[in-house]
Amino acid sequence: MTAMTMSRVEQWERRSEVPLLLLAVAFLIAYVWPVLDPELPGDARSFHGVVSWTFWAAFALDFAIRIALSDRLRHW
């Protein structure tokens, strides 16, 4: 499928697939690390919390972009 025949959502998905996959892996690491290391210092625990919420924001932004680019909003 060429870029001319792809919908805007499909083009976005093609461009964002790998970055979102990397964000998902990084999110899992940031989320699981404090669970596996209960003696993690408070600053590091806070850092992992901020990183996790930042990734959630990135996923929410991706969702909003997909909705905005959708040709069939009712489908969403």
C-alpha atoms as a PDB file:
ATOM      1  CA  MET A   1       0.000   0.000   0.000  1.00  0.00           C
ATOM      2  CA  THR A   2       1.431   3.357  -0.961  1.00  0.00           C
ATOM      3  CA  ALA A   3       1.247   6.543   1.061  1.00  0.00           C
ATOM      4  CA  MET A   4      -1.350   7.873  -1.385  1.00  0.00           C
ATOM      5  CA  THR A   5      -3.793   5.030  -0.679  1.00  0.00           C
ATOM      6  CA  MET A   6      -3.218   4.856   3.056  1.00  0.00           C
ATOM      7  CA  SER A   7      -5.531   6.745   5.387  1.00  0.00           C
ATOM      8  CA  ARG A   8      -4.107   9.380   7.697  1.00  0.00           C
ATOM      9  CA  VAL A   9      -4.546   7.032  10.664  1.00  0.00           C
ATOM     10  CA  GLU A  10      -2.675   4.255   8.846  1.00  0.00           C
ATOM     11  CA  GLN A  11       0.151   6.663   8.026  1.00  0.00           C
ATOM     12  CA  TRP A  12       0.327   7.730  11.686  1.00  0.00           C
ATOM     13  CA  GLU A  13       0.310   4.098  12.835  1.00  0.00           C
ATOM     14  CA  ARG A  14       3.145   3.257  10.458  1.00  0.00           C
ATOM     15  CA  ARG A  15       5.258   6.182  11.750  1.00  0.00           C
ATOM     16  CA  SER A  16       4.474   5.657  15.443  1.00  0.00           C
ATOM     17  CA  GLU A  17       4.571   1.865  15.690  1.00  0.00           C
ATOM     18  CA  VAL A  18       8.233   1.449  16.640  1.00  0.00           C
ATOM     19  CA  PRO A  19       8.436   4.475  18.978  1.00  0.00           C
ATOM     20  CA  LEU A  20       5.294   3.304  20.813  1.00  0.00           C
ATOM     21  CA  LEU A  21       6.708  -0.208  21.102  1.00  0.00           C
ATOM     22  CA  LEU A  22       9.894   1.207  22.628  1.00  0.00           C
ATOM     23  CA  LEU A  23       7.825   3.370  24.993  1.00  0.00           C
ATOM     24  CA  ALA A  24       5.855   0.301  26.054  1.00  0.00           C
ATOM     25  CA  VAL A  25       9.046  -1.606  26.902  1.00  0.00           C
ATOM     26  CA  ALA A  26      10.463   1.395  28.771  1.00  0.00           C
ATOM     27  CA  PHE A  27       7.156   1.784  30.631  1.00  0.00           C
ATOM     28  CA  LEU A  28       7.284  -1.834  31.773  1.00  0.00           C
ATOM     29  CA  ILE A  29      10.810  -1.363  33.069  1.00  0.00           C
ATOM     30  CA  ALA A  30       9.910   1.868  34.895  1.00  0.00           C
ATOM     31  CA  TYR A  31       6.782   0.281  36.366  1.00  0.00           C
ATOM     32  CA  VAL A  32       8.282  -3.063  37.405  1.00  0.00           C
ATOM     33  CA  TRP A  33      11.628  -1.877  38.772  1.00  0.00           C
ATOM     34  CA  PRO A  34      10.214  -0.422  42.023  1.00  0.00           C
ATOM     35  CA  VAL A  35       8.120  -3.562  42.503  1.00  0.00           C
ATOM     36  CA  LEU A  36      11.134  -5.850  42.131  1.00  0.00           C
ATOM     37  CA  ASP A  37      13.373  -3.633  44.255  1.00  0.00           C
ATOM     38  CA  PRO A  38      11.317  -2.672  47.330  1.00  0.00           C
ATOM     39  CA  GLU A  39      14.370  -1.001  48.946  1.00  0.00           C
ATOM     40  CA  LEU A  40      14.716   1.487  46.095  1.00  0.00           C
ATOM     41  CA  PRO A  41      15.488   4.962  47.501  1.00  0.00           C
ATOM     42  CA  GLY A  42      12.609   7.420  47.599  1.00  0.00           C
ATOM     43  CA  ASP A  43      14.097   9.692  44.919  1.00  0.00           C
ATOM     44  CA  ALA A  44      14.503   6.803  42.498  1.00  0.00           C
ATOM     45  CA  ARG A  45      10.976   5.585  43.286  1.00  0.00           C
ATOM     46  CA  SER A  46       9.637   9.084  42.561  1.00  0.00           C
ATOM     47  CA  PHE A  47      11.603   9.229  39.316  1.00  0.00           C
ATOM     48  CA  HIS A  48      10.108   5.918  38.167  1.00  0.00           C
ATOM     49  CA  GLY A  49       6.646   7.228  39.024  1.00  0.00           C
ATOM     50  CA  VAL A  50       7.146  10.392  36.983  1.00  0.00           C
ATOM     51  CA  VAL A  51       8.522   8.370  34.067  1.00  0.00           C
ATOM     52  CA  SER A  52       5.533   5.996  34.197  1.00  0.00           C
ATOM     53  CA  TRP A  53       3.032   8.877  34.162  1.00  0.00           C
ATOM     54  CA  THR A  54       4.935  10.535  31.306  1.00  0.00           C
ATOM     55  CA  PHE A  55       4.573   7.363  29.265  1.00  0.00           C
ATOM     56  CA  TRP A  56       0.851   7.218  30.082  1.00  0.00           C
ATOM     57  CA  ALA A  57       0.583  10.786  28.766  1.00  0.00           C
ATOM     58  CA  ALA A  58       2.373   9.759  25.553  1.00  0.00           C
ATOM     59  CA  PHE A  59      -0.046   6.858  25.060  1.00  0.00           C
ATOM     60  CA  ALA A  60      -3.024   9.163  25.688  1.00  0.00           C
ATOM     61  CA  LEU A  61      -1.615  11.650  23.166  1.00  0.00           C
ATOM     62  CA  ASP A  62      -1.271   8.862  20.595  1.00  0.00           C
ATOM     63  CA  PHE A  63      -4.900   7.874  21.211  1.00  0.00           C
ATOM     64  CA  ALA A  64      -6.047  11.489  20.795  1.00  0.00           C
ATOM     65  CA  ILE A  65      -4.074  11.830  17.552  1.00  0.00           C
ATOM     66  CA  ARG A  66      -5.635   8.636  16.188  1.00  0.00           C
ATOM     67  CA  ILE A  67      -9.100   9.970  16.968  1.00  0.00           C
ATOM     68  CA  ALA A  68      -8.311  13.354  15.410  1.00  0.00           C
ATOM     69  CA  LEU A  69      -6.970  11.734  12.220  1.00  0.00           C
ATOM     70  CA  SER A  70      -9.819   9.260  11.892  1.00  0.00           C
ATOM     71  CA  ASP A  71     -12.005   9.628   8.842  1.00  0.00           C
ATOM     72  CA  ARG A  72     -14.774   7.702  10.590  1.00  0.00           C
ATOM     73  CA  LEU A  73     -15.159   9.378  13.980  1.00  0.00           C
ATOM     74  CA  ARG A  74     -18.363   7.486  14.702  1.00  0.00           C
ATOM     75  CA  HIS A  75     -16.380   4.261  14.399  1.00  0.00           C
ATOM     76  CA  TRP A  76     -14.194   5.376  17.301  1.00  0.00           C
END
